[in-house]
Amino acid sequence: MTYQAKKKAFAALSVLMVLAAIYSALGILQAASLFTGERALRNFNFWGMLMCVALACSVLFGFLAFRASRLAKVGSREAV
């Protein structure tokens, strides 16, 4: 797999994870506004955990996309 293909794949995954984090944030708002008591806490914990994981994955995939982009530029200079 070339660095250009890796860059595109990691960038797409990063954007997908950002969208998942936004969706999870909406789940947190729903848990806070619709439910009370133990059910609200359980829902908040679930959506909060998903949001944190999605944000962490987004940062990781963004870093990997940036690194692949830099390596693709270096590789294209060496080929010349």
N, C-alpha and C. Protein backbone atom coordinates (compact mmCIF):
# COMPACT_ATOMS: atom_id res chain seq x y z
N MET A 1 0.85 -1.18 0.00
CA MET A 1 0.00 0.00 0.00
C MET A 1 0.89 1.23 0.00
N THR A 2 0.62 2.14 -0.91
CA THR A 2 1.44 3.34 -1.02
C THR A 2 1.09 4.32 0.10
N TYR A 3 1.98 5.28 0.27
CA TYR A 3 1.74 6.28 1.30
C TYR A 3 0.55 7.17 0.95
N GLN A 4 0.34 7.41 -0.35
CA GLN A 4 -0.83 8.21 -0.76
C GLN A 4 -2.12 7.51 -0.39
N ALA A 5 -2.18 6.19 -0.61
CA ALA A 5 -3.38 5.43 -0.26
C ALA A 5 -3.57 5.38 1.25
N LYS A 6 -2.47 5.23 2.00
CA LYS A 6 -2.56 5.24 3.46
C LYS A 6 -3.06 6.59 3.96
N LYS A 7 -2.56 7.67 3.35
CA LYS A 7 -2.97 9.00 3.75
C LYS A 7 -4.48 9.18 3.57
N LYS A 8 -4.99 8.75 2.43
CA LYS A 8 -6.43 8.89 2.16
C LYS A 8 -7.25 8.02 3.11
N ALA A 9 -6.79 6.80 3.35
CA ALA A 9 -7.53 5.90 4.24
C ALA A 9 -7.56 6.43 5.67
N PHE A 10 -6.41 6.88 6.17
CA PHE A 10 -6.36 7.40 7.54
C PHE A 10 -7.14 8.71 7.67
N ALA A 11 -7.11 9.55 6.65
CA ALA A 11 -7.88 10.79 6.69
C ALA A 11 -9.38 10.49 6.72
N ALA A 12 -9.81 9.52 5.92
CA ALA A 12 -11.22 9.14 5.91
C ALA A 12 -11.64 8.57 7.26
N LEU A 13 -10.79 7.73 7.84
CA LEU A 13 -11.10 7.17 9.16
C LEU A 13 -11.14 8.25 10.23
N SER A 14 -10.26 9.23 10.12
CA SER A 14 -10.24 10.33 11.09
C SER A 14 -11.55 11.13 11.01
N VAL A 15 -11.99 11.44 9.81
CA VAL A 15 -13.24 12.18 9.65
C VAL A 15 -14.42 11.35 10.16
N LEU A 16 -14.41 10.06 9.87
CA LEU A 16 -15.47 9.17 10.34
C LEU A 16 -15.53 9.15 11.87
N MET A 17 -14.38 9.12 12.51
CA MET A 17 -14.34 9.12 13.97
C MET A 17 -14.80 10.45 14.56
N VAL A 18 -14.52 11.55 13.89
CA VAL A 18 -15.03 12.85 14.35
C VAL A 18 -16.55 12.86 14.28
N LEU A 19 -17.10 12.33 13.20
CA LEU A 19 -18.56 12.24 13.08
C LEU A 19 -19.15 11.33 14.16
N ALA A 20 -18.47 10.24 14.47
CA ALA A 20 -18.93 9.35 15.54
C ALA A 20 -18.88 10.05 16.89
N ALA A 21 -17.87 10.87 17.11
CA ALA A 21 -17.78 11.63 18.36
C ALA A 21 -18.90 12.65 18.47
N ILE A 22 -19.24 13.30 17.38
CA ILE A 22 -20.35 14.25 17.40
C ILE A 22 -21.66 13.52 17.68
N TYR A 23 -21.85 12.38 17.05
CA TYR A 23 -23.06 11.58 17.29
C TYR A 23 -23.14 11.15 18.76
N SER A 24 -21.99 10.78 19.33
CA SER A 24 -21.96 10.39 20.74
C SER A 24 -22.26 11.57 21.65
N ALA A 25 -21.78 12.75 21.27
CA ALA A 25 -22.09 13.94 22.07
C ALA A 25 -23.59 14.20 22.08
N LEU A 26 -24.25 13.95 20.96
CA LEU A 26 -25.71 14.09 20.93
C LEU A 26 -26.37 13.05 21.82
N GLY A 27 -25.78 11.86 21.92
CA GLY A 27 -26.29 10.84 22.83
C GLY A 27 -26.16 11.28 24.28
N ILE A 28 -25.09 11.99 24.60
CA ILE A 28 -24.91 12.51 25.96
C ILE A 28 -25.99 13.56 26.26
N LEU A 29 -26.25 14.43 25.30
CA LEU A 29 -27.30 15.43 25.50
C LEU A 29 -28.67 14.77 25.68
N GLN A 30 -28.91 13.72 24.93
CA GLN A 30 -30.17 13.00 25.07
C GLN A 30 -30.27 12.36 26.45
N ALA A 31 -29.20 11.76 26.90
CA ALA A 31 -29.20 11.12 28.23
C ALA A 31 -29.46 12.15 29.32
N ALA A 32 -28.90 13.33 29.15
CA ALA A 32 -29.08 14.36 30.18
C ALA A 32 -30.48 14.96 30.17
N SER A 33 -31.09 15.02 29.00
CA SER A 33 -32.38 15.72 28.93
C SER A 33 -33.59 14.80 29.06
N LEU A 34 -33.49 13.54 28.64
CA LEU A 34 -34.67 12.68 28.61
C LEU A 34 -34.80 11.75 29.81
N PHE A 35 -33.68 11.35 30.39
CA PHE A 35 -33.72 10.33 31.42
C PHE A 35 -33.36 10.91 32.78
N THR A 36 -33.73 10.18 33.83
CA THR A 36 -33.38 10.58 35.19
C THR A 36 -32.87 9.37 35.94
N GLY A 37 -32.14 9.62 36.99
CA GLY A 37 -31.69 8.56 37.87
C GLY A 37 -30.63 7.65 37.27
N GLU A 38 -30.75 6.37 37.58
CA GLU A 38 -29.74 5.40 37.17
C GLU A 38 -29.67 5.24 35.66
N ARG A 39 -30.82 5.31 35.01
CA ARG A 39 -30.84 5.16 33.56
C ARG A 39 -30.07 6.30 32.89
N ALA A 40 -30.21 7.50 33.39
CA ALA A 40 -29.48 8.64 32.83
C ALA A 40 -27.98 8.47 33.02
N LEU A 41 -27.58 8.01 34.20
CA LEU A 41 -26.17 7.81 34.47
C LEU A 41 -25.58 6.71 33.59
N ARG A 42 -26.31 5.63 33.42
CA ARG A 42 -25.83 4.52 32.58
C ARG A 42 -25.71 4.98 31.13
N ASN A 43 -26.71 5.72 30.65
CA ASN A 43 -26.66 6.25 29.29
C ASN A 43 -25.51 7.24 29.13
N PHE A 44 -25.32 8.10 30.11
CA PHE A 44 -24.23 9.08 30.06
C PHE A 44 -22.87 8.38 30.02
N ASN A 45 -22.69 7.36 30.84
CA ASN A 45 -21.43 6.63 30.85
C ASN A 45 -21.17 5.95 29.51
N PHE A 46 -22.21 5.35 28.94
CA PHE A 46 -22.05 4.66 27.66
C PHE A 46 -21.66 5.63 26.55
N TRP A 47 -22.45 6.71 26.38
CA TRP A 47 -22.17 7.66 25.31
C TRP A 47 -20.88 8.44 25.56
N GLY A 48 -20.58 8.72 26.83
CA GLY A 48 -19.33 9.41 27.14
C GLY A 48 -18.11 8.58 26.80
N MET A 49 -18.18 7.28 27.09
CA MET A 49 -17.08 6.39 26.75
C MET A 49 -16.92 6.31 25.24
N LEU A 50 -18.01 6.20 24.51
CA LEU A 50 -17.93 6.15 23.04
C LEU A 50 -17.34 7.43 22.47
N MET A 51 -17.72 8.57 23.05
CA MET A 51 -17.19 9.83 22.56
C MET A 51 -15.69 9.93 22.80
N CYS A 52 -15.24 9.52 23.98
CA CYS A 52 -13.80 9.57 24.27
C CYS A 52 -13.00 8.65 23.36
N VAL A 53 -13.51 7.45 23.13
CA VAL A 53 -12.82 6.50 22.24
C VAL A 53 -12.79 7.05 20.82
N ALA A 54 -13.90 7.61 20.36
CA ALA A 54 -13.95 8.15 19.00
C ALA A 54 -12.99 9.32 18.84
N LEU A 55 -12.92 10.19 19.84
CA LEU A 55 -11.98 11.32 19.76
C LEU A 55 -10.53 10.84 19.76
N ALA A 56 -10.22 9.85 20.59
CA ALA A 56 -8.86 9.32 20.64
C ALA A 56 -8.49 8.67 19.30
N CYS A 57 -9.41 7.92 18.73
CA CYS A 57 -9.16 7.28 17.43
C CYS A 57 -9.01 8.33 16.34
N SER A 58 -9.79 9.39 16.41
CA SER A 58 -9.70 10.46 15.42
C SER A 58 -8.33 11.13 15.46
N VAL A 59 -7.84 11.39 16.66
CA VAL A 59 -6.51 12.00 16.80
C VAL A 59 -5.44 11.04 16.29
N LEU A 60 -5.55 9.76 16.63
CA LEU A 60 -4.58 8.77 16.17
C LEU A 60 -4.58 8.66 14.65
N PHE A 61 -5.76 8.54 14.03
CA PHE A 61 -5.82 8.42 12.58
C PHE A 61 -5.38 9.71 11.90
N GLY A 62 -5.67 10.85 12.49
CA GLY A 62 -5.19 12.11 11.94
C GLY A 62 -3.67 12.19 11.96
N PHE A 63 -3.08 11.75 13.06
CA PHE A 63 -1.61 11.72 13.15
C PHE A 63 -1.03 10.77 12.11
N LEU A 64 -1.62 9.60 11.95
CA LEU A 64 -1.12 8.64 10.97
C LEU A 64 -1.28 9.17 9.54
N ALA A 65 -2.36 9.88 9.27
CA ALA A 65 -2.55 10.48 7.94
C ALA A 65 -1.49 11.55 7.70
N PHE A 66 -1.22 12.37 8.71
CA PHE A 66 -0.20 13.41 8.58
C PHE A 66 1.18 12.78 8.34
N ARG A 67 1.47 11.73 9.09
CA ARG A 67 2.77 11.04 8.92
C ARG A 67 2.89 10.42 7.53
N ALA A 68 1.82 9.79 7.05
CA ALA A 68 1.85 9.19 5.71
C ALA A 68 2.00 10.27 4.64
N SER A 69 1.39 11.42 4.88
CA SER A 69 1.53 12.52 3.94
C SER A 69 2.97 13.01 3.87
N ARG A 70 3.59 13.12 5.03
CA ARG A 70 5.00 13.56 5.06
C ARG A 70 5.90 12.53 4.40
N LEU A 71 5.65 11.25 4.66
CA LEU A 71 6.48 10.20 4.05
C LEU A 71 6.25 10.11 2.54
N ALA A 72 5.05 10.41 2.08
CA ALA A 72 4.78 10.40 0.64
C ALA A 72 5.55 11.52 -0.03
N LYS A 73 5.64 12.67 0.62
CA LYS A 73 6.40 13.80 0.05
C LYS A 73 7.88 13.46 -0.01
N VAL A 74 8.41 12.84 1.05
CA VAL A 74 9.83 12.46 1.07
C VAL A 74 10.10 11.40 0.02
N GLY A 75 9.19 10.44 -0.11
CA GLY A 75 9.37 9.38 -1.10
C GLY A 75 9.32 9.91 -2.52
N SER A 76 8.49 10.91 -2.80
CA SER A 76 8.42 11.46 -4.15
C SER A 76 9.67 12.27 -4.47
N ARG A 77 10.29 12.87 -3.48
CA ARG A 77 11.54 13.61 -3.72
C ARG A 77 12.69 12.67 -3.98
N GLU A 78 12.71 11.51 -3.33
CA GLU A 78 13.79 10.55 -3.52
C GLU A 78 13.69 9.87 -4.87
N ALA A 79 12.46 9.75 -5.41
CA ALA A 79 12.28 9.08 -6.69
C ALA A 79 12.77 9.93 -7.86
N VAL A 80 12.89 11.26 -7.65
CA VAL A 80 13.30 12.15 -8.71
C VAL A 80 14.78 12.11 -8.95
